[in-house]
Amino acid sequence: MKKKADRDLEKEYTVKQMVSKLRRLADCLETGKPFQIQIAGERICVPSRATFNVEHEREGNMEEVEFQFKWERR
């Protein structure tokens, strides 16, 4: 199996786009299906076995909340 290159990026979405993605995510979580999303040209499939967490960061006058999904590739 070919190893995927390391990657760390952020993608901004409009409110309308984000609402649509969150609705699809909620539907997948409720039905136990994997969630698929394309980020900066790469299609990502978040498997139903993924774990979820919320992270809060504060530095100076900036704050950030991240919804994270983690899983080991098989």
N, C-alpha and C. Protein backbone atom coordinates (compact mmCIF):
# COMPACT_ATOMS: atom_id res chain seq x y z
N MET A 1 0.84 -1.18 0.00
CA MET A 1 0.00 0.00 0.00
C MET A 1 0.89 1.24 0.00
N LYS A 2 0.56 2.19 -0.85
CA LYS A 2 1.33 3.43 -0.95
C LYS A 2 1.04 4.33 0.25
N LYS A 3 2.09 4.83 0.89
CA LYS A 3 1.95 5.69 2.05
C LYS A 3 1.52 7.09 1.59
N LYS A 4 0.53 7.65 2.28
CA LYS A 4 0.08 9.00 1.97
C LYS A 4 1.04 10.00 2.60
N ALA A 5 1.28 11.10 1.90
CA ALA A 5 2.17 12.15 2.40
C ALA A 5 1.53 12.83 3.61
N ASP A 6 2.38 13.26 4.55
CA ASP A 6 1.90 14.04 5.68
C ASP A 6 1.29 15.33 5.16
N ARG A 7 0.31 15.83 5.89
CA ARG A 7 -0.41 17.01 5.43
C ARG A 7 -1.03 17.71 6.62
N ASP A 8 -0.97 19.03 6.64
CA ASP A 8 -1.60 19.82 7.70
C ASP A 8 -2.05 21.12 7.06
N LEU A 9 -3.35 21.28 6.89
CA LEU A 9 -3.85 22.50 6.27
C LEU A 9 -5.21 22.85 6.85
N GLU A 10 -5.64 24.06 6.57
CA GLU A 10 -6.96 24.51 6.97
C GLU A 10 -7.71 24.96 5.74
N LYS A 11 -9.02 24.76 5.73
CA LYS A 11 -9.86 25.18 4.63
C LYS A 11 -11.03 25.97 5.21
N GLU A 12 -11.22 27.19 4.75
CA GLU A 12 -12.33 28.01 5.22
C GLU A 12 -13.55 27.80 4.35
N TYR A 13 -14.72 27.82 4.98
CA TYR A 13 -15.99 27.64 4.29
C TYR A 13 -16.93 28.79 4.67
N THR A 14 -17.89 29.07 3.79
CA THR A 14 -18.93 30.03 4.11
C THR A 14 -19.85 29.40 5.15
N VAL A 15 -20.66 30.20 5.78
CA VAL A 15 -21.62 29.67 6.77
C VAL A 15 -22.53 28.64 6.10
N LYS A 16 -23.04 28.95 4.91
CA LYS A 16 -23.93 28.02 4.20
C LYS A 16 -23.24 26.70 3.91
N GLN A 17 -21.98 26.74 3.45
CA GLN A 17 -21.23 25.52 3.16
C GLN A 17 -21.00 24.70 4.44
N MET A 18 -20.65 25.40 5.53
CA MET A 18 -20.38 24.70 6.79
C MET A 18 -21.64 24.06 7.36
N VAL A 19 -22.76 24.75 7.27
CA VAL A 19 -24.03 24.19 7.75
C VAL A 19 -24.35 22.91 6.98
N SER A 20 -24.16 22.93 5.67
CA SER A 20 -24.41 21.75 4.84
C SER A 20 -23.52 20.59 5.26
N LYS A 21 -22.24 20.86 5.50
CA LYS A 21 -21.31 19.80 5.90
C LYS A 21 -21.67 19.25 7.28
N LEU A 22 -22.04 20.12 8.20
CA LEU A 22 -22.41 19.67 9.54
C LEU A 22 -23.69 18.83 9.51
N ARG A 23 -24.63 19.18 8.65
CA ARG A 23 -25.85 18.38 8.52
C ARG A 23 -25.53 16.98 7.99
N ARG A 24 -24.68 16.93 6.96
CA ARG A 24 -24.29 15.62 6.41
C ARG A 24 -23.55 14.81 7.47
N LEU A 25 -22.65 15.47 8.23
CA LEU A 25 -21.91 14.79 9.29
C LEU A 25 -22.87 14.22 10.33
N ALA A 26 -23.83 15.02 10.78
CA ALA A 26 -24.78 14.55 11.79
C ALA A 26 -25.57 13.34 11.27
N ASP A 27 -25.99 13.40 10.02
CA ASP A 27 -26.71 12.26 9.43
C ASP A 27 -25.86 10.99 9.44
N CYS A 28 -24.58 11.14 9.08
CA CYS A 28 -23.67 9.98 9.08
C CYS A 28 -23.46 9.44 10.48
N LEU A 29 -23.28 10.32 11.45
CA LEU A 29 -23.07 9.87 12.83
C LEU A 29 -24.30 9.12 13.34
N GLU A 30 -25.48 9.65 13.05
CA GLU A 30 -26.71 9.01 13.53
C GLU A 30 -26.96 7.65 12.89
N THR A 31 -26.54 7.49 11.65
CA THR A 31 -26.81 6.22 10.95
C THR A 31 -25.63 5.26 10.97
N GLY A 32 -24.49 5.70 11.54
CA GLY A 32 -23.32 4.83 11.62
C GLY A 32 -22.59 4.67 10.31
N LYS A 33 -22.80 5.61 9.38
CA LYS A 33 -22.13 5.54 8.08
C LYS A 33 -20.87 6.40 8.09
N PRO A 34 -19.91 6.09 7.22
CA PRO A 34 -18.72 6.94 7.11
C PRO A 34 -19.09 8.30 6.54
N PHE A 35 -18.34 9.31 6.90
CA PHE A 35 -18.55 10.68 6.43
C PHE A 35 -17.49 11.00 5.39
N GLN A 36 -17.91 11.47 4.22
CA GLN A 36 -16.97 11.82 3.18
C GLN A 36 -16.97 13.32 2.95
N ILE A 37 -15.77 13.87 2.80
CA ILE A 37 -15.60 15.30 2.57
C ILE A 37 -14.37 15.50 1.69
N GLN A 38 -14.42 16.50 0.83
CA GLN A 38 -13.25 16.83 0.03
C GLN A 38 -12.63 18.10 0.60
N ILE A 39 -11.33 18.03 0.90
CA ILE A 39 -10.62 19.17 1.49
C ILE A 39 -9.42 19.47 0.61
N ALA A 40 -9.40 20.67 0.04
CA ALA A 40 -8.29 21.12 -0.81
C ALA A 40 -7.91 20.07 -1.84
N GLY A 41 -8.92 19.53 -2.53
CA GLY A 41 -8.67 18.60 -3.62
C GLY A 41 -8.50 17.15 -3.25
N GLU A 42 -8.51 16.81 -1.98
CA GLU A 42 -8.36 15.40 -1.57
C GLU A 42 -9.64 14.92 -0.90
N ARG A 43 -10.16 13.80 -1.40
CA ARG A 43 -11.37 13.22 -0.80
C ARG A 43 -10.97 12.42 0.43
N ILE A 44 -11.63 12.73 1.53
CA ILE A 44 -11.36 12.08 2.82
C ILE A 44 -12.60 11.30 3.23
N CYS A 45 -12.41 10.08 3.67
CA CYS A 45 -13.50 9.27 4.18
C CYS A 45 -13.24 9.03 5.67
N VAL A 46 -14.07 9.63 6.51
CA VAL A 46 -13.95 9.46 7.96
C VAL A 46 -14.77 8.22 8.32
N PRO A 47 -14.12 7.15 8.75
CA PRO A 47 -14.85 5.91 9.02
C PRO A 47 -15.72 6.03 10.27
N SER A 48 -16.73 5.21 10.34
CA SER A 48 -17.63 5.24 11.50
C SER A 48 -16.92 4.85 12.79
N ARG A 49 -15.76 4.21 12.69
CA ARG A 49 -15.00 3.81 13.90
C ARG A 49 -14.15 4.96 14.47
N ALA A 50 -14.16 6.13 13.80
CA ALA A 50 -13.35 7.26 14.25
C ALA A 50 -13.78 7.72 15.64
N THR A 51 -12.84 8.29 16.37
CA THR A 51 -13.17 8.91 17.65
C THR A 51 -13.26 10.41 17.44
N PHE A 52 -14.02 11.08 18.29
CA PHE A 52 -14.29 12.50 18.13
C PHE A 52 -13.92 13.26 19.39
N ASN A 53 -13.41 14.46 19.21
CA ASN A 53 -13.14 15.32 20.35
C ASN A 53 -13.26 16.77 19.94
N VAL A 54 -13.37 17.63 20.92
CA VAL A 54 -13.42 19.07 20.70
C VAL A 54 -12.22 19.66 21.41
N GLU A 55 -11.49 20.50 20.71
CA GLU A 55 -10.27 21.12 21.26
C GLU A 55 -10.47 22.63 21.32
N HIS A 56 -10.02 23.23 22.42
CA HIS A 56 -10.07 24.68 22.58
C HIS A 56 -8.65 25.19 22.80
N GLU A 57 -8.27 26.17 22.00
CA GLU A 57 -6.95 26.78 22.14
C GLU A 57 -7.10 28.27 22.36
N ARG A 58 -6.23 28.83 23.19
CA ARG A 58 -6.20 30.26 23.43
C ARG A 58 -4.75 30.71 23.41
N GLU A 59 -4.47 31.74 22.63
CA GLU A 59 -3.12 32.31 22.56
C GLU A 59 -3.27 33.81 22.33
N GLY A 60 -2.79 34.60 23.30
CA GLY A 60 -2.93 36.06 23.18
C GLY A 60 -4.41 36.42 23.12
N ASN A 61 -4.79 37.19 22.10
CA ASN A 61 -6.19 37.58 21.97
C ASN A 61 -6.96 36.69 20.97
N MET A 62 -6.39 35.55 20.59
CA MET A 62 -7.03 34.64 19.65
C MET A 62 -7.54 33.39 20.38
N GLU A 63 -8.72 32.93 19.95
CA GLU A 63 -9.27 31.68 20.46
C GLU A 63 -9.67 30.82 19.29
N GLU A 64 -9.61 29.50 19.50
CA GLU A 64 -9.93 28.57 18.43
C GLU A 64 -10.62 27.35 19.02
N VAL A 65 -11.69 26.91 18.37
CA VAL A 65 -12.37 25.66 18.73
C VAL A 65 -12.28 24.75 17.52
N GLU A 66 -11.81 23.53 17.73
CA GLU A 66 -11.68 22.56 16.64
C GLU A 66 -12.50 21.32 16.98
N PHE A 67 -13.29 20.87 16.00
CA PHE A 67 -13.96 19.59 16.11
C PHE A 67 -13.07 18.61 15.36
N GLN A 68 -12.58 17.59 16.06
CA GLN A 68 -11.60 16.69 15.47
C GLN A 68 -12.13 15.26 15.40
N PHE A 69 -11.71 14.58 14.35
CA PHE A 69 -12.04 13.18 14.11
C PHE A 69 -10.72 12.46 13.91
N LYS A 70 -10.50 11.39 14.66
CA LYS A 70 -9.23 10.67 14.57
C LYS A 70 -9.48 9.18 14.35
N TRP A 71 -8.62 8.59 13.51
CA TRP A 71 -8.69 7.17 13.26
C TRP A 71 -7.38 6.70 12.69
N GLU A 72 -7.13 5.42 12.83
CA GLU A 72 -5.92 4.83 12.24
C GLU A 72 -6.28 4.26 10.88
N ARG A 73 -5.46 4.59 9.87
CA ARG A 73 -5.69 4.06 8.52
C ARG A 73 -5.43 2.57 8.53
N ARG A 74 -6.20 1.84 7.78
CA ARG A 74 -6.04 0.39 7.67
C ARG A 74 -5.53 0.03 6.31
